[in-house]
Amino acid sequence: MWERKWVVLRDNKLSVFNSREESASGPSVDEFDLCPHSGVVSVRSAVAQTELANISVSELVYILMLEFEPDAVNLSNR
């Protein structure tokens, strides 16, 4: 199931909020460190429609894919 979220980039962190209003004053639902100490994060704006079930072509412009590749020595739970 897809949920609509609001995303804000602050410094090296991508913060996820439930709404635009919450992004101004409320706590984030989740955060992603784009410059982790152990690994590499890739942000991709091109996501194939075949990877996304029940998404219309007009909504694809609002979708990002984050990929985290941990260092071989330190495997993360995320």
PDB file of N, CA and C in Angstrom:
ATOM      1  N   MET A   1       0.841  -1.180   0.000  1.00  0.00           N
ATOM      2  CA  MET A   1       0.000   0.000   0.000  1.00  0.00           C
ATOM      3  C   MET A   1       0.889   1.247   0.000  1.00  0.00           C
ATOM      4  N   TRP A   2       0.582   2.172  -0.863  1.00  0.00           N
ATOM      5  CA  TRP A   2       1.337   3.423  -0.965  1.00  0.00           C
ATOM      6  C   TRP A   2       0.692   4.490  -0.104  1.00  0.00           C
ATOM      7  N   GLU A   3       1.534   5.268   0.554  1.00  0.00           N
ATOM      8  CA  GLU A   3       1.063   6.372   1.377  1.00  0.00           C
ATOM      9  C   GLU A   3       1.689   7.662   0.885  1.00  0.00           C
ATOM     10  N   ARG A   4       0.930   8.732   0.927  1.00  0.00           N
ATOM     11  CA  ARG A   4       1.470  10.043   0.564  1.00  0.00           C
ATOM     12  C   ARG A   4       2.236  10.609   1.751  1.00  0.00           C
ATOM     13  N   LYS A   5       3.447  11.089   1.479  1.00  0.00           N
ATOM     14  CA  LYS A   5       4.298  11.670   2.519  1.00  0.00           C
ATOM     15  C   LYS A   5       4.916  12.954   1.994  1.00  0.00           C
ATOM     16  N   TRP A   6       5.423  13.761   2.888  1.00  0.00           N
ATOM     17  CA  TRP A   6       6.123  14.997   2.575  1.00  0.00           C
ATOM     18  C   TRP A   6       7.585  14.789   2.956  1.00  0.00           C
ATOM     19  N   VAL A   7       8.508  15.135   2.067  1.00  0.00           N
ATOM     20  CA  VAL A   7       9.926  14.898   2.294  1.00  0.00           C
ATOM     21  C   VAL A   7      10.673  16.226   2.285  1.00  0.00           C
ATOM     22  N   VAL A   8      11.574  16.381   3.278  1.00  0.00           N
ATOM     23  CA  VAL A   8      12.359  17.602   3.405  1.00  0.00           C
ATOM     24  C   VAL A   8      13.835  17.215   3.509  1.00  0.00           C
ATOM     25  N   LEU A   9      14.668  17.907   2.750  1.00  0.00           N
ATOM     26  CA  LEU A   9      16.117  17.689   2.814  1.00  0.00           C
ATOM     27  C   LEU A   9      16.718  18.752   3.711  1.00  0.00           C
ATOM     28  N   ARG A  10      17.344  18.301   4.802  1.00  0.00           N
ATOM     29  CA  ARG A  10      18.021  19.203   5.742  1.00  0.00           C
ATOM     30  C   ARG A  10      19.427  18.674   5.959  1.00  0.00           C
ATOM     31  N   ASP A  11      20.386  19.490   5.625  1.00  0.00           N
ATOM     32  CA  ASP A  11      21.792  19.081   5.711  1.00  0.00           C
ATOM     33  C   ASP A  11      21.971  17.788   4.912  1.00  0.00           C
ATOM     34  N   ASN A  12      22.390  16.718   5.557  1.00  0.00           N
ATOM     35  CA  ASN A  12      22.603  15.447   4.863  1.00  0.00           C
ATOM     36  C   ASN A  12      21.516  14.427   5.174  1.00  0.00           C
ATOM     37  N   LYS A  13      20.373  14.891   5.694  1.00  0.00           N
ATOM     38  CA  LYS A  13      19.305  13.972   6.075  1.00  0.00           C
ATOM     39  C   LYS A  13      18.033  14.268   5.300  1.00  0.00           C
ATOM     40  N   LEU A  14      17.383  13.199   4.879  1.00  0.00           N
ATOM     41  CA  LEU A  14      16.088  13.282   4.222  1.00  0.00           C
ATOM     42  C   LEU A  14      15.055  12.920   5.277  1.00  0.00           C
ATOM     43  N   SER A  15      14.236  13.887   5.680  1.00  0.00           N
ATOM     44  CA  SER A  15      13.233  13.673   6.722  1.00  0.00           C
ATOM     45  C   SER A  15      11.872  13.458   6.077  1.00  0.00           C
ATOM     46  N   VAL A  16      11.133  12.472   6.575  1.00  0.00           N
ATOM     47  CA  VAL A  16       9.824  12.116   6.033  1.00  0.00           C
ATOM     48  C   VAL A  16       8.753  12.519   7.038  1.00  0.00           C
ATOM     49  N   PHE A  17       7.717  13.207   6.553  1.00  0.00           N
ATOM     50  CA  PHE A  17       6.615  13.679   7.390  1.00  0.00           C
ATOM     51  C   PHE A  17       5.295  13.214   6.796  1.00  0.00           C
ATOM     52  N   ASN A  18       4.263  13.184   7.621  1.00  0.00           N
ATOM     53  CA  ASN A  18       2.937  12.795   7.137  1.00  0.00           C
ATOM     54  C   ASN A  18       2.267  13.892   6.325  1.00  0.00           C
ATOM     55  N   SER A  19       2.622  15.153   6.576  1.00  0.00           N
ATOM     56  CA  SER A  19       2.002  16.261   5.850  1.00  0.00           C
ATOM     57  C   SER A  19       2.961  17.446   5.782  1.00  0.00           C
ATOM     58  N   ARG A  20       2.628  18.406   4.940  1.00  0.00           N
ATOM     59  CA  ARG A  20       3.447  19.613   4.814  1.00  0.00           C
ATOM     60  C   ARG A  20       3.446  20.413   6.115  1.00  0.00           C
ATOM     61  N   GLU A  21       2.292  20.451   6.763  1.00  0.00           N
ATOM     62  CA  GLU A  21       2.175  21.198   8.002  1.00  0.00           C
ATOM     63  C   GLU A  21       3.095  20.626   9.083  1.00  0.00           C
ATOM     64  N   GLU A  22       3.166  19.303   9.163  1.00  0.00           N
ATOM     65  CA  GLU A  22       4.031  18.663  10.159  1.00  0.00           C
ATOM     66  C   GLU A  22       5.506  18.927   9.885  1.00  0.00           C
ATOM     67  N   SER A  23       5.865  19.137   8.625  1.00  0.00           N
ATOM     68  CA  SER A  23       7.278  19.364   8.286  1.00  0.00           C
ATOM     69  C   SER A  23       7.798  20.671   8.869  1.00  0.00           C
ATOM     70  N   ALA A  24       6.899  21.606   9.162  1.00  0.00           N
ATOM     71  CA  ALA A  24       7.317  22.890   9.732  1.00  0.00           C
ATOM     72  C   ALA A  24       7.547  22.807  11.234  1.00  0.00           C
ATOM     73  N   SER A  25       6.766  21.965  11.929  1.00  0.00           N
ATOM     74  CA  SER A  25       6.884  21.976  13.392  1.00  0.00           C
ATOM     75  C   SER A  25       6.850  20.599  14.042  1.00  0.00           C
ATOM     76  N   GLY A  26       6.350  19.605  13.360  1.00  0.00           N
ATOM     77  CA  GLY A  26       6.187  18.295  13.985  1.00  0.00           C
ATOM     78  C   GLY A  26       7.400  17.405  13.826  1.00  0.00           C
ATOM     79  N   PRO A  27       7.397  16.289  14.537  1.00  0.00           N
ATOM     80  CA  PRO A  27       8.505  15.334  14.420  1.00  0.00           C
ATOM     81  C   PRO A  27       8.406  14.546  13.113  1.00  0.00           C
ATOM     82  N   SER A  28       9.526  14.111  12.621  1.00  0.00           N
ATOM     83  CA  SER A  28       9.530  13.330  11.386  1.00  0.00           C
ATOM     84  C   SER A  28       9.112  11.895  11.676  1.00  0.00           C
ATOM     85  N   VAL A  29       8.506  11.262  10.677  1.00  0.00           N
ATOM     86  CA  VAL A  29       8.105   9.866  10.772  1.00  0.00           C
ATOM     87  C   VAL A  29       9.330   8.973  10.612  1.00  0.00           C
ATOM     88  N   ASP A  30      10.246   9.405   9.759  1.00  0.00           N
ATOM     89  CA  ASP A  30      11.466   8.642   9.505  1.00  0.00           C
ATOM     90  C   ASP A  30      12.525   9.590   8.968  1.00  0.00           C
ATOM     91  N   GLU A  31      13.777   9.198   9.095  1.00  0.00           N
ATOM     92  CA  GLU A  31      14.896   9.972   8.557  1.00  0.00           C
ATOM     93  C   GLU A  31      15.879   9.028   7.883  1.00  0.00           C
ATOM     94  N   PHE A  32      16.475   9.510   6.804  1.00  0.00           N
ATOM     95  CA  PHE A  32      17.478   8.751   6.078  1.00  0.00           C
ATOM     96  C   PHE A  32      18.733   9.600   5.971  1.00  0.00           C
ATOM     97  N   ASP A  33      19.831   9.088   6.478  1.00  0.00           N
ATOM     98  CA  ASP A  33      21.121   9.765   6.386  1.00  0.00           C
ATOM     99  C   ASP A  33      21.682   9.512   4.993  1.00  0.00           C
ATOM    100  N   LEU A  34      21.853  10.560   4.217  1.00  0.00           N
ATOM    101  CA  LEU A  34      22.345  10.424   2.851  1.00  0.00           C
ATOM    102  C   LEU A  34      23.861  10.315   2.774  1.00  0.00           C
ATOM    103  N   CYS A  35      24.538  10.544   3.890  1.00  0.00           N
ATOM    104  CA  CYS A  35      25.998  10.411   3.949  1.00  0.00           C
ATOM    105  C   CYS A  35      26.378   9.552   5.160  1.00  0.00           C
ATOM    106  N   PRO A  36      26.027   8.272   5.132  1.00  0.00           N
ATOM    107  CA  PRO A  36      26.325   7.427   6.290  1.00  0.00           C
ATOM    108  C   PRO A  36      27.827   7.177   6.427  1.00  0.00           C
ATOM    109  N   HIS A  37      28.238   6.836   7.640  1.00  0.00           N
ATOM    110  CA  HIS A  37      29.656   6.567   7.904  1.00  0.00           C
ATOM    111  C   HIS A  37      30.096   5.233   7.330  1.00  0.00           C
ATOM    112  N   SER A  38      29.165   4.300   7.186  1.00  0.00           N
ATOM    113  CA  SER A  38      29.529   2.964   6.707  1.00  0.00           C
ATOM    114  C   SER A  38      28.611   2.542   5.560  1.00  0.00           C
ATOM    115  N   GLY A  39      28.942   2.965   4.376  1.00  0.00           N
ATOM    116  CA  GLY A  39      28.164   2.585   3.214  1.00  0.00           C
ATOM    117  C   GLY A  39      27.927   3.750   2.275  1.00  0.00           C
ATOM    118  N   VAL A  40      27.143   3.476   1.237  1.00  0.00           N
ATOM    119  CA  VAL A  40      26.850   4.472   0.212  1.00  0.00           C
ATOM    120  C   VAL A  40      25.345   4.500  -0.031  1.00  0.00           C
ATOM    121  N   VAL A  41      24.779   5.703  -0.157  1.00  0.00           N
ATOM    122  CA  VAL A  41      23.367   5.862  -0.471  1.00  0.00           C
ATOM    123  C   VAL A  41      23.246   6.424  -1.882  1.00  0.00           C
ATOM    124  N   SER A  42      22.369   5.824  -2.669  1.00  0.00           N
ATOM    125  CA  SER A  42      22.065   6.327  -4.015  1.00  0.00           C
ATOM    126  C   SER A  42      20.622   6.811  -4.035  1.00  0.00           C
ATOM    127  N   VAL A  43      20.410   8.006  -4.587  1.00  0.00           N
ATOM    128  CA  VAL A  43      19.061   8.551  -4.751  1.00  0.00           C
ATOM    129  C   VAL A  43      18.762   8.534  -6.234  1.00  0.00           C
ATOM    130  N   ARG A  44      17.686   7.869  -6.583  1.00  0.00           N
ATOM    131  CA  ARG A  44      17.329   7.746  -8.002  1.00  0.00           C
ATOM    132  C   ARG A  44      15.941   8.333  -8.229  1.00  0.00           C
ATOM    133  N   SER A  45      15.850   9.155  -9.242  1.00  0.00           N
ATOM    134  CA  SER A  45      14.550   9.721  -9.592  1.00  0.00           C
ATOM    135  C   SER A  45      13.854   8.917 -10.668  1.00  0.00           C
ATOM    136  N   ALA A  46      14.576   8.050 -11.326  1.00  0.00           N
ATOM    137  CA  ALA A  46      13.989   7.229 -12.388  1.00  0.00           C
ATOM    138  C   ALA A  46      13.664   5.844 -11.832  1.00  0.00           C
ATOM    139  N   VAL A  47      12.385   5.597 -11.627  1.00  0.00           N
ATOM    140  CA  VAL A  47      11.915   4.306 -11.149  1.00  0.00           C
ATOM    141  C   VAL A  47      10.991   3.750 -12.217  1.00  0.00           C
ATOM    142  N   ALA A  48      11.261   2.544 -12.638  1.00  0.00           N
ATOM    143  CA  ALA A  48      10.442   1.925 -13.690  1.00  0.00           C
ATOM    144  C   ALA A  48       9.030   1.667 -13.178  1.00  0.00           C
ATOM    145  N   GLN A  49       8.053   1.912 -14.020  1.00  0.00           N
ATOM    146  CA  GLN A  49       6.664   1.702 -13.627  1.00  0.00           C
ATOM    147  C   GLN A  49       6.400   0.232 -13.303  1.00  0.00           C
ATOM    148  N   THR A  50       7.159  -0.668 -13.886  1.00  0.00           N
ATOM    149  CA  THR A  50       6.986  -2.089 -13.596  1.00  0.00           C
ATOM    150  C   THR A  50       7.344  -2.436 -12.156  1.00  0.00           C
ATOM    151  N   GLU A  51       8.151  -1.596 -11.499  1.00  0.00           N
ATOM    152  CA  GLU A  51       8.512  -1.818 -10.096  1.00  0.00           C
ATOM    153  C   GLU A  51       7.428  -1.333  -9.140  1.00  0.00           C
ATOM    154  N   LEU A  52       6.468  -0.591  -9.646  1.00  0.00           N
ATOM    155  CA  LEU A  52       5.460   0.037  -8.800  1.00  0.00           C
ATOM    156  C   LEU A  52       4.064  -0.428  -9.213  1.00  0.00           C
ATOM    157  N   ALA A  53       3.426  -1.171  -8.353  1.00  0.00           N
ATOM    158  CA  ALA A  53       2.073  -1.641  -8.647  1.00  0.00           C
ATOM    159  C   ALA A  53       1.052  -0.537  -8.377  1.00  0.00           C
ATOM    160  N   ASN A  54       0.072  -0.434  -9.228  1.00  0.00           N
ATOM    161  CA  ASN A  54      -1.062   0.486  -9.053  1.00  0.00           C
ATOM    162  C   ASN A  54      -0.667   1.967  -8.987  1.00  0.00           C
ATOM    163  N   ILE A  55       0.350   2.361  -9.709  1.00  0.00           N
ATOM    164  CA  ILE A  55       0.763   3.767  -9.768  1.00  0.00           C
ATOM    165  C   ILE A  55       0.543   4.256 -11.198  1.00  0.00           C
ATOM    166  N   SER A  56      -0.105   5.409 -11.322  1.00  0.00           N
ATOM    167  CA  SER A  56      -0.329   5.952 -12.662  1.00  0.00           C
ATOM    168  C   SER A  56       0.941   6.650 -13.160  1.00  0.00           C
ATOM    169  N   VAL A  57       1.045   6.792 -14.464  1.00  0.00           N
ATOM    170  CA  VAL A  57       2.220   7.423 -15.070  1.00  0.00           C
ATOM    171  C   VAL A  57       2.387   8.851 -14.564  1.00  0.00           C
ATOM    172  N   SER A  58       1.295   9.562 -14.317  1.00  0.00           N
ATOM    173  CA  SER A  58       1.379  10.957 -13.864  1.00  0.00           C
ATOM    174  C   SER A  58       1.966  11.073 -12.456  1.00  0.00           C
ATOM    175  N   GLU A  59       1.922  10.011 -11.646  1.00  0.00           N
ATOM    176  CA  GLU A  59       2.471  10.057 -10.293  1.00  0.00           C
ATOM    177  C   GLU A  59       3.945   9.682 -10.240  1.00  0.00           C
ATOM    178  N   LEU A  60       4.501   9.155 -11.307  1.00  0.00           N
ATOM    179  CA  LEU A  60       5.898   8.718 -11.302  1.00  0.00           C
ATOM    180  C   LEU A  60       6.879   9.858 -11.061  1.00  0.00           C
ATOM    181  N   VAL A  61       6.520  11.073 -11.412  1.00  0.00           N
ATOM    182  CA  VAL A  61       7.439  12.206 -11.215  1.00  0.00           C
ATOM    183  C   VAL A  61       7.654  12.526  -9.738  1.00  0.00           C
ATOM    184  N   TYR A  62       6.814  12.000  -8.857  1.00  0.00           N
ATOM    185  CA  TYR A  62       6.912  12.288  -7.427  1.00  0.00           C
ATOM    186  C   TYR A  62       7.543  11.151  -6.629  1.00  0.00           C
ATOM    187  N   ILE A  63       8.098  10.174  -7.304  1.00  0.00           N
ATOM    188  CA  ILE A  63       8.628   8.990  -6.630  1.00  0.00           C
ATOM    189  C   ILE A  63      10.153   8.981  -6.691  1.00  0.00           C
ATOM    190  N   LEU A  64      10.766   8.732  -5.541  1.00  0.00           N
ATOM    191  CA  LEU A  64      12.218   8.589  -5.441  1.00  0.00           C
ATOM    192  C   LEU A  64      12.537   7.191  -4.927  1.00  0.00           C
ATOM    193  N   MET A  65      13.681   6.675  -5.328  1.00  0.00           N
ATOM    194  CA  MET A  65      14.148   5.413  -4.797  1.00  0.00           C
ATOM    195  C   MET A  65      15.463   5.671  -4.075  1.00  0.00           C
ATOM    196  N   LEU A  66      15.538   5.220  -2.818  1.00  0.00           N
ATOM    197  CA  LEU A  66      16.766   5.319  -2.038  1.00  0.00           C
ATOM    198  C   LEU A  66      17.345   3.920  -1.914  1.00  0.00           C
ATOM    199  N   GLU A  67      18.621   3.790  -2.240  1.00  0.00           N
ATOM    200  CA  GLU A  67      19.308   2.510  -2.113  1.00  0.00           C
ATOM    201  C   GLU A  67      20.508   2.691  -1.194  1.00  0.00           C
ATOM    202  N   PHE A  68      20.621   1.820  -0.210  1.00  0.00           N
ATOM    203  CA  PHE A  68      21.744   1.847   0.714  1.00  0.00           C
ATOM    204  C   PHE A  68      22.572   0.597   0.497  1.00  0.00           C
ATOM    205  N   GLU A  69      23.853   0.784   0.222  1.00  0.00           N
ATOM    206  CA  GLU A  69      24.790  -0.322   0.063  1.00  0.00           C
ATOM    207  C   GLU A  69      25.781  -0.247   1.217  1.00  0.00           C
ATOM    208  N   PRO A  70      25.629  -1.148   2.206  1.00  0.00           N
ATOM    209  CA  PRO A  70      26.532  -1.102   3.354  1.00  0.00           C
ATOM    210  C   PRO A  70      27.921  -1.582   2.990  1.00  0.00           C
ATOM    211  N   ASP A  71      28.884  -1.144   3.793  1.00  0.00           N
ATOM    212  CA  ASP A  71      30.237  -1.677   3.643  1.00  0.00           C
ATOM    213  C   ASP A  71      30.182  -3.166   3.950  1.00  0.00           C
ATOM    214  N   ALA A  72      31.057  -3.928   3.341  1.00  0.00           N
ATOM    215  CA  ALA A  72      31.075  -5.379   3.536  1.00  0.00           C
ATOM    216  C   ALA A  72      31.355  -5.748   4.996  1.00  0.00           C
ATOM    217  N   VAL A  73      32.079  -4.908   5.710  1.00  0.00           N
ATOM    218  CA  VAL A  73      32.458  -5.206   7.085  1.00  0.00           C
ATOM    219  C   VAL A  73      31.313  -4.941   8.048  1.00  0.00           C
ATOM    220  N   ASN A  74      30.536  -3.862   7.806  1.00  0.00           N
ATOM    221  CA  ASN A  74      29.495  -3.442   8.726  1.00  0.00           C
ATOM    222  C   ASN A  74      28.139  -3.533   8.030  1.00  0.00           C
ATOM    223  N   LEU A  75      27.429  -4.632   8.187  1.00  0.00           N
ATOM    224  CA  LEU A  75      26.115  -4.796   7.567  1.00  0.00           C
ATOM    225  C   LEU A  75      25.060  -4.176   8.456  1.00  0.00           C
ATOM    226  N   SER A  76      24.253  -3.281   7.885  1.00  0.00           N
ATOM    227  CA  SER A  76      23.239  -2.572   8.629  1.00  0.00           C
ATOM    228  C   SER A  76      21.914  -3.327   8.595  1.00  0.00           C
ATOM    229  N   ASN A  77      21.063  -3.056   9.581  1.00  0.00           N
ATOM    230  CA  ASN A  77      19.725  -3.644   9.598  1.00  0.00           C
ATOM    231  C   ASN A  77      18.794  -2.940   8.651  1.00  0.00           C
ATOM    232  N   ARG A  78      19.173  -1.819   8.112  1.00  0.00           N
ATOM    233  CA  ARG A  78      18.284  -1.013   7.299  1.00  0.00           C
ATOM    234  C   ARG A  78      18.590  -1.138   5.857  1.00  0.00           C
TER     235      ARG A  78
END
